[in-house]
N, C-alpha and C. Protein backbone atom coordinates (compact mmCIF):
# COMPACT_ATOMS: atom_id res chain seq x y z
N MET A 1 -48.27 8.61 49.50
CA MET A 1 -48.49 8.25 50.91
C MET A 1 -47.61 9.11 51.82
N SER A 2 -46.35 9.29 51.40
CA SER A 2 -45.43 10.11 52.18
C SER A 2 -45.92 11.54 52.28
N ARG A 3 -46.46 12.06 51.16
CA ARG A 3 -46.99 13.43 51.17
C ARG A 3 -48.18 13.55 52.11
N PHE A 4 -49.03 12.53 52.11
CA PHE A 4 -50.20 12.52 53.00
C PHE A 4 -49.76 12.54 54.46
N LEU A 5 -48.76 11.72 54.80
CA LEU A 5 -48.29 11.66 56.18
C LEU A 5 -47.67 12.98 56.61
N THR A 6 -46.96 13.63 55.67
CA THR A 6 -46.36 14.93 55.98
C THR A 6 -47.43 15.97 56.26
N THR A 7 -48.46 15.98 55.40
CA THR A 7 -49.57 16.92 55.58
C THR A 7 -50.29 16.66 56.90
N LEU A 8 -50.50 15.39 57.22
CA LEU A 8 -51.17 15.02 58.47
C LEU A 8 -50.34 15.47 59.67
N ALA A 9 -49.04 15.27 59.59
CA ALA A 9 -48.16 15.67 60.69
C ALA A 9 -48.19 17.17 60.90
N LEU A 10 -48.14 17.92 59.80
CA LEU A 10 -48.19 19.38 59.90
C LEU A 10 -49.51 19.84 60.49
N SER A 11 -50.60 19.20 60.09
CA SER A 11 -51.92 19.56 60.61
C SER A 11 -51.99 19.31 62.11
N LEU A 12 -51.42 18.19 62.55
CA LEU A 12 -51.42 17.88 63.98
C LEU A 12 -50.59 18.89 64.76
N ILE A 13 -49.45 19.29 64.19
CA ILE A 13 -48.60 20.28 64.86
C ILE A 13 -49.33 21.60 65.01
N ILE A 14 -50.01 22.03 63.94
CA ILE A 14 -50.76 23.28 63.98
C ILE A 14 -51.88 23.20 65.01
N PHE A 15 -52.59 22.06 65.03
CA PHE A 15 -53.70 21.89 65.97
C PHE A 15 -53.20 21.93 67.41
N VAL A 16 -52.13 21.20 67.69
CA VAL A 16 -51.60 21.15 69.06
C VAL A 16 -51.08 22.51 69.48
N THR A 17 -50.40 23.21 68.57
CA THR A 17 -49.88 24.55 68.89
C THR A 17 -51.01 25.51 69.21
N ALA A 18 -52.09 25.45 68.42
CA ALA A 18 -53.24 26.32 68.66
C ALA A 18 -53.90 25.99 69.99
N ALA A 19 -54.00 24.70 70.30
CA ALA A 19 -54.62 24.30 71.57
C ALA A 19 -53.80 24.77 72.76
N ILE A 20 -52.46 24.64 72.65
CA ILE A 20 -51.59 25.10 73.73
C ILE A 20 -51.69 26.60 73.90
N SER A 21 -51.74 27.32 72.78
CA SER A 21 -51.86 28.79 72.83
C SER A 21 -53.16 29.20 73.48
N ALA A 22 -54.26 28.50 73.15
CA ALA A 22 -55.56 28.83 73.74
C ALA A 22 -55.54 28.60 75.24
N ARG A 23 -54.91 27.49 75.67
CA ARG A 23 -54.84 27.21 77.10
C ARG A 23 -53.99 28.24 77.83
N ALA A 24 -52.96 28.75 77.14
CA ALA A 24 -52.08 29.75 77.76
C ALA A 24 -52.82 31.04 78.04
N ASP A 25 -53.81 31.36 77.20
CA ASP A 25 -54.59 32.58 77.38
C ASP A 25 -55.65 32.42 78.46
N THR A 26 -56.00 31.18 78.79
CA THR A 26 -57.06 30.92 79.75
C THR A 26 -56.46 30.42 81.05
N LYS A 27 -56.67 31.18 82.13
CA LYS A 27 -56.09 30.81 83.41
C LYS A 27 -57.14 30.89 84.51
N ARG A 28 -56.99 30.02 85.49
CA ARG A 28 -57.85 30.06 86.67
C ARG A 28 -57.15 30.89 87.74
N TYR A 29 -57.84 31.93 88.19
CA TYR A 29 -57.29 32.85 89.18
C TYR A 29 -57.96 32.62 90.53
N GLU A 30 -57.14 32.58 91.57
CA GLU A 30 -57.65 32.53 92.94
C GLU A 30 -57.71 33.95 93.50
N PHE A 31 -58.73 34.22 94.31
CA PHE A 31 -58.86 35.55 94.91
C PHE A 31 -57.69 35.84 95.85
N ASP A 32 -57.17 37.05 95.75
CA ASP A 32 -56.25 37.58 96.76
C ASP A 32 -57.14 38.27 97.79
N LYS A 33 -57.43 37.57 98.87
CA LYS A 33 -58.43 38.07 99.82
C LYS A 33 -58.01 39.36 100.51
N ALA A 34 -56.71 39.60 100.60
CA ALA A 34 -56.25 40.84 101.22
C ALA A 34 -56.60 42.06 100.38
N HIS A 35 -56.84 41.83 99.09
CA HIS A 35 -57.14 42.94 98.18
C HIS A 35 -58.45 42.72 97.43
N THR A 36 -59.35 41.97 98.05
CA THR A 36 -60.67 41.72 97.47
C THR A 36 -61.72 42.09 98.51
N GLN A 37 -62.70 42.88 98.11
CA GLN A 37 -63.75 43.33 99.02
C GLN A 37 -65.13 43.14 98.39
N ILE A 38 -66.09 42.73 99.21
CA ILE A 38 -67.49 42.67 98.81
C ILE A 38 -68.26 43.60 99.74
N ILE A 39 -68.69 44.72 99.20
CA ILE A 39 -69.32 45.78 99.99
C ILE A 39 -70.73 46.02 99.45
N PHE A 40 -71.65 46.37 100.34
CA PHE A 40 -73.01 46.68 99.89
C PHE A 40 -73.52 47.95 100.58
N PHE A 41 -74.48 48.59 99.91
CA PHE A 41 -75.14 49.78 100.44
C PHE A 41 -76.64 49.56 100.38
N ALA A 42 -77.33 49.86 101.49
CA ALA A 42 -78.78 49.68 101.56
C ALA A 42 -79.41 50.92 102.17
N ASP A 43 -80.62 51.22 101.72
CA ASP A 43 -81.33 52.41 102.20
C ASP A 43 -81.66 52.31 103.68
N HIS A 44 -81.46 53.42 104.41
CA HIS A 44 -81.82 53.49 105.83
C HIS A 44 -82.91 54.53 106.01
N LEU A 45 -84.15 54.07 105.84
CA LEU A 45 -85.33 54.91 106.06
C LEU A 45 -85.33 56.17 105.21
N GLY A 46 -84.60 56.14 104.10
CA GLY A 46 -84.56 57.29 103.20
C GLY A 46 -83.60 58.38 103.62
N PHE A 47 -83.01 58.27 104.81
CA PHE A 47 -82.11 59.30 105.31
C PHE A 47 -80.69 59.16 104.77
N SER A 48 -80.26 57.92 104.59
CA SER A 48 -78.88 57.69 104.18
C SER A 48 -78.76 56.28 103.61
N LYS A 49 -77.56 55.96 103.18
CA LYS A 49 -77.24 54.61 102.73
C LYS A 49 -76.31 53.96 103.76
N SER A 50 -76.75 52.86 104.32
CA SER A 50 -75.92 52.14 105.28
C SER A 50 -74.96 51.22 104.52
N GLU A 51 -73.73 51.18 104.99
CA GLU A 51 -72.70 50.38 104.32
C GLU A 51 -72.35 49.15 105.14
N GLY A 52 -72.23 48.04 104.45
CA GLY A 52 -71.81 46.81 105.10
C GLY A 52 -70.88 46.02 104.20
N LYS A 53 -70.35 44.93 104.72
CA LYS A 53 -69.44 44.11 103.93
C LYS A 53 -69.48 42.67 104.43
N PHE A 54 -68.97 41.78 103.59
CA PHE A 54 -68.82 40.38 103.97
C PHE A 54 -67.32 40.09 104.09
N LEU A 55 -66.95 39.46 105.19
CA LEU A 55 -65.53 39.26 105.48
C LEU A 55 -65.02 37.87 105.13
N ASP A 56 -65.93 36.90 104.97
CA ASP A 56 -65.52 35.52 104.72
C ASP A 56 -66.12 35.05 103.40
N PHE A 57 -65.29 34.82 102.43
CA PHE A 57 -65.75 34.38 101.11
C PHE A 57 -64.63 33.63 100.43
N ASP A 58 -64.99 32.89 99.41
CA ASP A 58 -63.98 32.15 98.64
C ASP A 58 -64.49 32.02 97.22
N GLY A 59 -63.57 31.79 96.30
CA GLY A 59 -63.99 31.63 94.92
C GLY A 59 -62.82 31.76 93.97
N TYR A 60 -63.16 31.82 92.71
CA TYR A 60 -62.15 31.92 91.67
C TYR A 60 -62.79 32.50 90.41
N PHE A 61 -61.94 32.93 89.50
CA PHE A 61 -62.44 33.29 88.18
C PHE A 61 -61.51 32.73 87.12
N ILE A 62 -62.10 32.30 86.03
CA ILE A 62 -61.34 31.83 84.87
C ILE A 62 -61.32 32.97 83.86
N PHE A 63 -60.14 33.48 83.57
CA PHE A 63 -60.00 34.66 82.72
C PHE A 63 -59.32 34.27 81.42
N ASP A 64 -60.04 34.45 80.32
CA ASP A 64 -59.51 34.21 78.98
C ASP A 64 -59.16 35.57 78.38
N GLU A 65 -57.88 35.92 78.39
CA GLU A 65 -57.47 37.23 77.91
C GLU A 65 -57.75 37.40 76.42
N GLY A 66 -57.63 36.32 75.66
CA GLY A 66 -57.88 36.40 74.22
C GLY A 66 -59.34 36.54 73.87
N LYS A 67 -60.19 35.82 74.61
CA LYS A 67 -61.64 35.88 74.40
C LYS A 67 -62.32 36.03 75.76
N PRO A 68 -62.36 37.24 76.29
CA PRO A 68 -62.90 37.43 77.65
C PRO A 68 -64.34 36.99 77.83
N GLU A 69 -65.10 36.93 76.72
CA GLU A 69 -66.49 36.47 76.83
C GLU A 69 -66.56 35.00 77.23
N ASN A 70 -65.46 34.28 77.12
CA ASN A 70 -65.41 32.88 77.53
C ASN A 70 -64.99 32.70 79.00
N SER A 71 -64.80 33.80 79.70
CA SER A 71 -64.38 33.74 81.10
C SER A 71 -65.56 33.36 81.99
N SER A 72 -65.28 33.13 83.27
CA SER A 72 -66.35 32.78 84.21
C SER A 72 -65.89 33.10 85.63
N VAL A 73 -66.85 33.11 86.55
CA VAL A 73 -66.54 33.39 87.95
C VAL A 73 -67.50 32.64 88.86
N GLU A 74 -66.99 32.16 89.99
CA GLU A 74 -67.82 31.54 91.02
C GLU A 74 -67.37 32.05 92.38
N VAL A 75 -68.35 32.40 93.22
CA VAL A 75 -68.05 32.93 94.55
C VAL A 75 -69.01 32.30 95.57
N THR A 76 -68.48 31.95 96.73
CA THR A 76 -69.29 31.53 97.86
C THR A 76 -69.01 32.46 99.03
N VAL A 77 -70.08 33.05 99.57
CA VAL A 77 -69.97 33.99 100.68
C VAL A 77 -70.59 33.38 101.93
N LYS A 78 -69.90 33.44 103.04
CA LYS A 78 -70.45 33.00 104.32
C LYS A 78 -71.29 34.14 104.88
N THR A 79 -72.61 33.94 104.93
CA THR A 79 -73.51 35.03 105.31
C THR A 79 -73.28 35.49 106.75
N ALA A 80 -72.79 34.60 107.61
CA ALA A 80 -72.55 34.98 109.00
C ALA A 80 -71.39 35.96 109.14
N SER A 81 -70.66 36.19 108.06
CA SER A 81 -69.52 37.11 108.12
C SER A 81 -69.93 38.55 107.83
N ILE A 82 -71.24 38.81 107.72
CA ILE A 82 -71.70 40.17 107.45
C ILE A 82 -71.24 41.10 108.56
N ASN A 83 -70.83 42.30 108.16
CA ASN A 83 -70.27 43.25 109.13
C ASN A 83 -70.71 44.66 108.79
N MET A 84 -71.41 45.28 109.75
CA MET A 84 -71.87 46.67 109.59
C MET A 84 -71.14 47.61 110.55
N ASP A 85 -70.10 47.10 111.19
CA ASP A 85 -69.34 47.85 112.20
C ASP A 85 -70.21 48.26 113.39
N MET A 86 -71.27 47.48 113.62
CA MET A 86 -72.12 47.69 114.79
C MET A 86 -72.73 46.34 115.16
N GLU A 87 -72.39 45.83 116.32
CA GLU A 87 -72.78 44.48 116.70
C GLU A 87 -74.29 44.27 116.68
N LYS A 88 -75.05 45.27 117.11
CA LYS A 88 -76.50 45.14 117.15
C LYS A 88 -77.07 44.93 115.76
N TRP A 89 -76.60 45.72 114.80
CA TRP A 89 -77.05 45.55 113.42
C TRP A 89 -76.62 44.20 112.87
N ASP A 90 -75.37 43.82 113.16
CA ASP A 90 -74.87 42.54 112.65
C ASP A 90 -75.76 41.38 113.10
N GLU A 91 -76.10 41.36 114.38
CA GLU A 91 -76.91 40.26 114.90
C GLU A 91 -78.31 40.26 114.30
N HIS A 92 -78.88 41.45 114.07
CA HIS A 92 -80.21 41.50 113.46
C HIS A 92 -80.16 40.99 112.02
N LEU A 93 -79.15 41.38 111.28
CA LEU A 93 -79.03 40.94 109.89
C LEU A 93 -78.80 39.44 109.78
N LYS A 94 -78.27 38.83 110.81
CA LYS A 94 -78.03 37.39 110.79
C LYS A 94 -79.27 36.56 111.10
N ASN A 95 -80.30 37.19 111.70
CA ASN A 95 -81.46 36.39 112.11
C ASN A 95 -82.46 36.20 110.97
N GLU A 96 -83.64 35.66 111.31
CA GLU A 96 -84.62 35.26 110.30
C GLU A 96 -85.20 36.44 109.52
N ASP A 97 -85.07 37.66 110.03
CA ASP A 97 -85.60 38.82 109.31
C ASP A 97 -84.83 39.08 108.02
N PHE A 98 -83.56 38.71 108.01
CA PHE A 98 -82.72 39.02 106.86
C PHE A 98 -82.03 37.76 106.31
N PHE A 99 -80.81 37.49 106.71
CA PHE A 99 -80.03 36.43 106.07
C PHE A 99 -80.26 35.03 106.65
N ASN A 100 -80.85 34.93 107.83
CA ASN A 100 -81.16 33.63 108.42
C ASN A 100 -79.97 32.68 108.31
N VAL A 101 -78.84 33.11 108.87
CA VAL A 101 -77.58 32.41 108.64
C VAL A 101 -77.56 30.99 109.20
N GLY A 102 -78.38 30.71 110.21
CA GLY A 102 -78.43 29.36 110.75
C GLY A 102 -78.94 28.36 109.74
N LYS A 103 -79.91 28.76 108.94
CA LYS A 103 -80.50 27.87 107.93
C LYS A 103 -79.82 27.99 106.58
N PHE A 104 -79.34 29.19 106.27
CA PHE A 104 -78.74 29.44 104.96
C PHE A 104 -77.35 30.06 105.15
N PRO A 105 -76.36 29.25 105.47
CA PRO A 105 -75.03 29.79 105.78
C PRO A 105 -74.26 30.32 104.57
N ASP A 106 -74.67 29.91 103.37
CA ASP A 106 -73.93 30.31 102.17
C ASP A 106 -74.78 31.12 101.21
N MET A 107 -74.14 32.07 100.57
CA MET A 107 -74.71 32.79 99.43
C MET A 107 -73.74 32.57 98.27
N THR A 108 -74.25 32.18 97.10
CA THR A 108 -73.36 31.86 95.99
C THR A 108 -73.71 32.64 94.74
N PHE A 109 -72.68 32.89 93.94
CA PHE A 109 -72.87 33.51 92.63
C PHE A 109 -72.09 32.69 91.61
N LYS A 110 -72.76 32.30 90.53
CA LYS A 110 -72.12 31.56 89.45
C LYS A 110 -72.48 32.23 88.13
N SER A 111 -71.48 32.68 87.41
CA SER A 111 -71.75 33.37 86.15
C SER A 111 -72.34 32.41 85.12
N THR A 112 -73.21 32.96 84.27
CA THR A 112 -73.82 32.18 83.20
C THR A 112 -73.52 32.75 81.82
N SER A 113 -73.20 34.05 81.75
CA SER A 113 -72.86 34.66 80.47
C SER A 113 -72.08 35.94 80.70
N ILE A 114 -71.29 36.31 79.70
CA ILE A 114 -70.52 37.55 79.74
C ILE A 114 -70.71 38.28 78.42
N LYS A 115 -71.14 39.54 78.52
CA LYS A 115 -71.33 40.38 77.34
C LYS A 115 -70.31 41.50 77.38
N ILE A 116 -69.46 41.55 76.37
CA ILE A 116 -68.44 42.59 76.29
C ILE A 116 -69.11 43.91 75.91
N THR A 117 -68.87 44.96 76.69
CA THR A 117 -69.51 46.26 76.46
C THR A 117 -68.52 47.36 76.09
N GLY A 118 -67.23 47.09 76.18
CA GLY A 118 -66.22 48.09 75.85
C GLY A 118 -64.85 47.46 75.88
N ASP A 119 -63.81 48.29 75.68
CA ASP A 119 -62.45 47.76 75.65
C ASP A 119 -62.07 47.09 76.97
N LYS A 120 -62.57 47.63 78.07
CA LYS A 120 -62.23 47.08 79.38
C LYS A 120 -63.46 46.85 80.25
N THR A 121 -64.63 46.77 79.64
CA THR A 121 -65.86 46.61 80.42
C THR A 121 -66.69 45.45 79.89
N ALA A 122 -67.48 44.87 80.79
CA ALA A 122 -68.35 43.75 80.42
C ALA A 122 -69.48 43.64 81.43
N ASP A 123 -70.59 43.09 80.98
CA ASP A 123 -71.69 42.74 81.87
C ASP A 123 -71.61 41.24 82.15
N ILE A 124 -71.38 40.91 83.41
CA ILE A 124 -71.31 39.51 83.81
C ILE A 124 -72.64 39.14 84.48
N THR A 125 -73.40 38.29 83.85
CA THR A 125 -74.68 37.85 84.40
C THR A 125 -74.52 36.45 84.99
N GLY A 126 -75.13 36.27 86.15
CA GLY A 126 -75.03 34.97 86.79
C GLY A 126 -76.17 34.71 87.75
N ASP A 127 -76.18 33.52 88.31
CA ASP A 127 -77.21 33.11 89.26
C ASP A 127 -76.75 33.39 90.69
N LEU A 128 -77.53 34.20 91.39
CA LEU A 128 -77.27 34.47 92.80
C LEU A 128 -78.24 33.65 93.63
N THR A 129 -77.70 32.77 94.46
CA THR A 129 -78.53 31.94 95.33
C THR A 129 -78.42 32.46 96.76
N LEU A 130 -79.58 32.81 97.31
CA LEU A 130 -79.67 33.40 98.65
C LEU A 130 -80.99 32.99 99.27
N LEU A 131 -80.97 32.61 100.52
CA LEU A 131 -82.19 32.19 101.23
C LEU A 131 -82.93 31.09 100.47
N GLY A 132 -82.17 30.21 99.82
CA GLY A 132 -82.77 29.08 99.13
C GLY A 132 -83.40 29.41 97.79
N GLN A 133 -83.25 30.64 97.32
CA GLN A 133 -83.82 31.04 96.04
C GLN A 133 -82.70 31.50 95.10
N THR A 134 -82.90 31.27 93.82
CA THR A 134 -81.90 31.63 92.82
C THR A 134 -82.52 32.56 91.77
N HIS A 135 -81.87 33.70 91.56
CA HIS A 135 -82.32 34.67 90.56
C HIS A 135 -81.10 35.29 89.89
N PRO A 136 -81.27 35.78 88.65
CA PRO A 136 -80.13 36.36 87.94
C PRO A 136 -79.76 37.75 88.46
N VAL A 137 -78.48 38.03 88.42
CA VAL A 137 -77.93 39.35 88.77
C VAL A 137 -76.85 39.67 87.73
N THR A 138 -76.78 40.94 87.33
CA THR A 138 -75.76 41.36 86.37
C THR A 138 -74.77 42.30 87.04
N LEU A 139 -73.50 41.96 86.91
CA LEU A 139 -72.41 42.78 87.44
C LEU A 139 -71.82 43.61 86.30
N GLN A 140 -71.87 44.92 86.44
CA GLN A 140 -71.20 45.80 85.47
C GLN A 140 -69.73 45.87 85.87
N THR A 141 -68.90 45.25 85.06
CA THR A 141 -67.52 44.96 85.46
C THR A 141 -66.51 45.73 84.62
N THR A 142 -65.47 46.20 85.29
CA THR A 142 -64.37 46.91 84.63
C THR A 142 -63.06 46.18 84.91
N LEU A 143 -62.31 45.91 83.85
CA LEU A 143 -60.97 45.36 84.01
C LEU A 143 -60.03 46.52 84.33
N ASN A 144 -59.48 46.51 85.53
CA ASN A 144 -58.60 47.60 85.94
C ASN A 144 -57.19 47.45 85.39
N LYS A 145 -56.65 46.24 85.53
CA LYS A 145 -55.26 46.04 85.11
C LYS A 145 -54.92 44.57 85.11
N VAL A 146 -54.13 44.16 84.12
CA VAL A 146 -53.51 42.83 84.10
C VAL A 146 -52.03 43.05 83.89
N ALA A 147 -51.21 42.62 84.86
CA ALA A 147 -49.78 42.89 84.77
C ALA A 147 -49.02 42.05 85.78
N ILE A 148 -47.72 42.14 85.71
CA ILE A 148 -46.86 41.49 86.71
C ILE A 148 -46.77 42.40 87.93
N HIS A 149 -47.06 41.83 89.10
CA HIS A 149 -47.00 42.60 90.34
C HIS A 149 -45.56 43.04 90.60
N PRO A 150 -45.32 44.33 90.84
CA PRO A 150 -43.94 44.81 91.00
C PRO A 150 -43.22 44.29 92.23
N MET A 151 -43.97 43.81 93.23
CA MET A 151 -43.33 43.33 94.46
C MET A 151 -43.20 41.81 94.50
N THR A 152 -44.20 41.10 93.96
CA THR A 152 -44.18 39.64 94.03
C THR A 152 -43.71 38.98 92.74
N ASN A 153 -43.68 39.78 91.65
CA ASN A 153 -43.32 39.25 90.34
C ASN A 153 -44.30 38.19 89.85
N LYS A 154 -45.54 38.27 90.36
CA LYS A 154 -46.59 37.34 89.95
C LYS A 154 -47.57 38.03 89.01
N HIS A 155 -48.22 37.22 88.19
CA HIS A 155 -49.24 37.72 87.27
C HIS A 155 -50.50 38.05 88.07
N VAL A 156 -51.02 39.27 87.94
CA VAL A 156 -52.19 39.70 88.71
C VAL A 156 -53.21 40.34 87.78
N ALA A 157 -54.48 40.02 88.00
CA ALA A 157 -55.59 40.66 87.29
C ALA A 157 -56.50 41.32 88.32
N GLY A 158 -56.90 42.56 88.04
CA GLY A 158 -57.76 43.29 88.97
C GLY A 158 -59.01 43.82 88.30
N PHE A 159 -60.14 43.68 88.98
CA PHE A 159 -61.43 44.09 88.45
C PHE A 159 -62.22 44.88 89.48
N SER A 160 -63.12 45.73 88.99
CA SER A 160 -64.14 46.38 89.83
C SER A 160 -65.50 46.02 89.25
N ALA A 161 -66.50 45.86 90.11
CA ALA A 161 -67.84 45.50 89.64
C ALA A 161 -68.90 46.17 90.50
N VAL A 162 -70.02 46.50 89.85
CA VAL A 162 -71.16 47.12 90.53
C VAL A 162 -72.43 46.40 90.09
N ALA A 163 -73.34 46.18 91.03
CA ALA A 163 -74.63 45.57 90.70
C ALA A 163 -75.70 46.15 91.61
N HIS A 164 -76.94 46.11 91.13
CA HIS A 164 -78.10 46.48 91.94
C HIS A 164 -79.06 45.30 91.95
N LEU A 165 -79.62 45.02 93.11
CA LEU A 165 -80.61 43.94 93.18
C LEU A 165 -81.74 44.34 94.12
N ASP A 166 -82.87 43.72 93.89
CA ASP A 166 -84.06 43.92 94.73
C ASP A 166 -84.11 42.76 95.72
N ARG A 167 -83.82 43.03 96.97
CA ARG A 167 -83.71 41.96 97.97
C ARG A 167 -85.01 41.18 98.15
N THR A 168 -86.15 41.82 97.84
CA THR A 168 -87.43 41.13 98.03
C THR A 168 -87.58 39.96 97.06
N GLN A 169 -86.83 39.95 95.96
CA GLN A 169 -86.88 38.82 95.03
C GLN A 169 -86.44 37.52 95.70
N TRP A 170 -85.60 37.64 96.70
CA TRP A 170 -85.11 36.46 97.43
C TRP A 170 -85.89 36.23 98.72
N GLY A 171 -87.01 36.94 98.88
CA GLY A 171 -87.85 36.76 100.05
C GLY A 171 -87.42 37.57 101.25
N MET A 172 -86.49 38.49 101.08
CA MET A 172 -86.02 39.33 102.17
C MET A 172 -86.85 40.61 102.19
N THR A 173 -87.99 40.54 102.84
CA THR A 173 -88.97 41.64 102.76
C THR A 173 -89.03 42.50 104.02
N TYR A 174 -88.29 42.14 105.05
CA TYR A 174 -88.38 42.86 106.32
C TYR A 174 -88.13 44.36 106.13
N GLY A 175 -89.02 45.17 106.74
CA GLY A 175 -88.82 46.62 106.76
C GLY A 175 -89.31 47.38 105.56
N THR A 176 -89.70 46.67 104.49
CA THR A 176 -90.21 47.38 103.32
C THR A 176 -91.65 47.82 103.60
N PRO A 177 -92.09 48.95 103.04
CA PRO A 177 -91.35 49.81 102.11
C PRO A 177 -90.53 50.91 102.80
N MET A 178 -90.61 51.05 104.13
CA MET A 178 -89.84 52.12 104.78
C MET A 178 -88.35 51.96 104.52
N MET A 179 -87.87 50.73 104.63
CA MET A 179 -86.48 50.43 104.28
C MET A 179 -86.48 49.96 102.84
N GLY A 180 -85.72 50.61 102.01
CA GLY A 180 -85.74 50.31 100.58
C GLY A 180 -85.35 48.88 100.27
N SER A 181 -85.83 48.40 99.14
CA SER A 181 -85.51 47.03 98.72
C SER A 181 -84.28 46.98 97.82
N ASP A 182 -83.88 48.12 97.26
CA ASP A 182 -82.73 48.14 96.37
C ASP A 182 -81.43 48.06 97.17
N VAL A 183 -80.56 47.16 96.76
CA VAL A 183 -79.25 47.01 97.40
C VAL A 183 -78.18 47.17 96.33
N GLU A 184 -77.25 48.06 96.59
CA GLU A 184 -76.12 48.26 95.68
C GLU A 184 -74.93 47.44 96.18
N ILE A 185 -74.34 46.69 95.27
CA ILE A 185 -73.18 45.87 95.61
C ILE A 185 -71.97 46.39 94.85
N ARG A 186 -70.87 46.58 95.56
CA ARG A 186 -69.61 47.01 94.95
C ARG A 186 -68.52 46.00 95.31
N ILE A 187 -67.82 45.57 94.29
CA ILE A 187 -66.82 44.52 94.47
C ILE A 187 -65.48 44.97 93.88
N GLN A 188 -64.43 44.74 94.64
CA GLN A 188 -63.06 44.92 94.16
C GLN A 188 -62.36 43.57 94.23
N VAL A 189 -61.72 43.18 93.15
CA VAL A 189 -61.11 41.86 93.09
C VAL A 189 -59.69 41.95 92.55
N GLU A 190 -58.79 41.25 93.22
CA GLU A 190 -57.47 40.97 92.67
C GLU A 190 -57.27 39.46 92.74
N GLY A 191 -56.67 38.91 91.70
CA GLY A 191 -56.41 37.49 91.71
C GLY A 191 -55.16 37.13 90.94
N SER A 192 -54.60 35.98 91.28
CA SER A 192 -53.43 35.45 90.59
C SER A 192 -53.73 34.03 90.13
N PRO A 193 -53.09 33.58 89.04
CA PRO A 193 -53.28 32.20 88.61
C PRO A 193 -53.02 31.23 89.74
N LEU A 194 -53.76 30.15 89.76
CA LEU A 194 -53.74 29.20 90.88
C LEU A 194 -52.34 28.80 91.30
N GLU A 195 -51.49 28.48 90.32
CA GLU A 195 -50.16 28.00 90.66
C GLU A 195 -49.27 29.10 91.23
N GLU A 196 -49.64 30.37 90.97
CA GLU A 196 -48.85 31.49 91.47
C GLU A 196 -49.40 32.04 92.78
N ALA A 197 -50.71 31.87 93.01
CA ALA A 197 -51.34 32.49 94.18
C ALA A 197 -50.73 31.98 95.48
N ALA A 198 -50.53 30.66 95.57
CA ALA A 198 -49.97 30.09 96.80
C ALA A 198 -48.53 30.55 97.01
N GLU A 199 -47.77 30.63 95.91
CA GLU A 199 -46.37 31.03 96.02
C GLU A 199 -46.24 32.48 96.48
N GLY A 200 -47.18 33.33 96.02
CA GLY A 200 -47.07 34.75 96.31
C GLY A 200 -47.75 35.18 97.59
N ALA A 201 -48.45 34.26 98.25
CA ALA A 201 -49.26 34.64 99.42
C ALA A 201 -48.42 35.24 100.53
N VAL A 202 -47.19 34.78 100.67
CA VAL A 202 -46.36 35.28 101.77
C VAL A 202 -45.55 36.50 101.38
N ASN A 203 -45.69 36.94 100.12
CA ASN A 203 -44.84 38.03 99.64
C ASN A 203 -45.60 39.30 99.33
N LYS A 204 -46.87 39.43 99.80
CA LYS A 204 -47.68 40.60 99.48
C LYS A 204 -47.06 41.85 100.09
């Protein structure tokens, strides 16, 4: 009986240690908005690519350093924060021809799967909800760096991501085919674990 109890105790210690170790590798990161950008490029009548960005967004990512395929990300973007550095364009993009921000103030992305493609790369597939419709989008993502920030002494993870989507899938058909339907999205993200993000916010 004593031997059984000893074995049981050792098994419990091993199980608890493994569980704690797994939790240590998995952290929830809050976006550092000062160093996070959501930028897009869209065709302008075939002459050039117009660049825009969203200024108001929030979200987080759960990063499992030991098993990155178990990570996840969620983002909510305020569509009224679209900015093309030209007021006339901004107002047009906010109306019913494009983002219809009065009716659909939020655009969301929630990851559904992660496929590791290299030592520091992965395809993050998720559901993009826009204009009341939800369709999958894949972000080709690169892990830039995970380290202690030299100025704040906080743990920071940084990523870059690129995606292409066909805006007409979400019912945004204005201007096609003269204005292309393909939209390129480029994202830069820095984040810190939740408990560290608030502490480091004033020390950037």
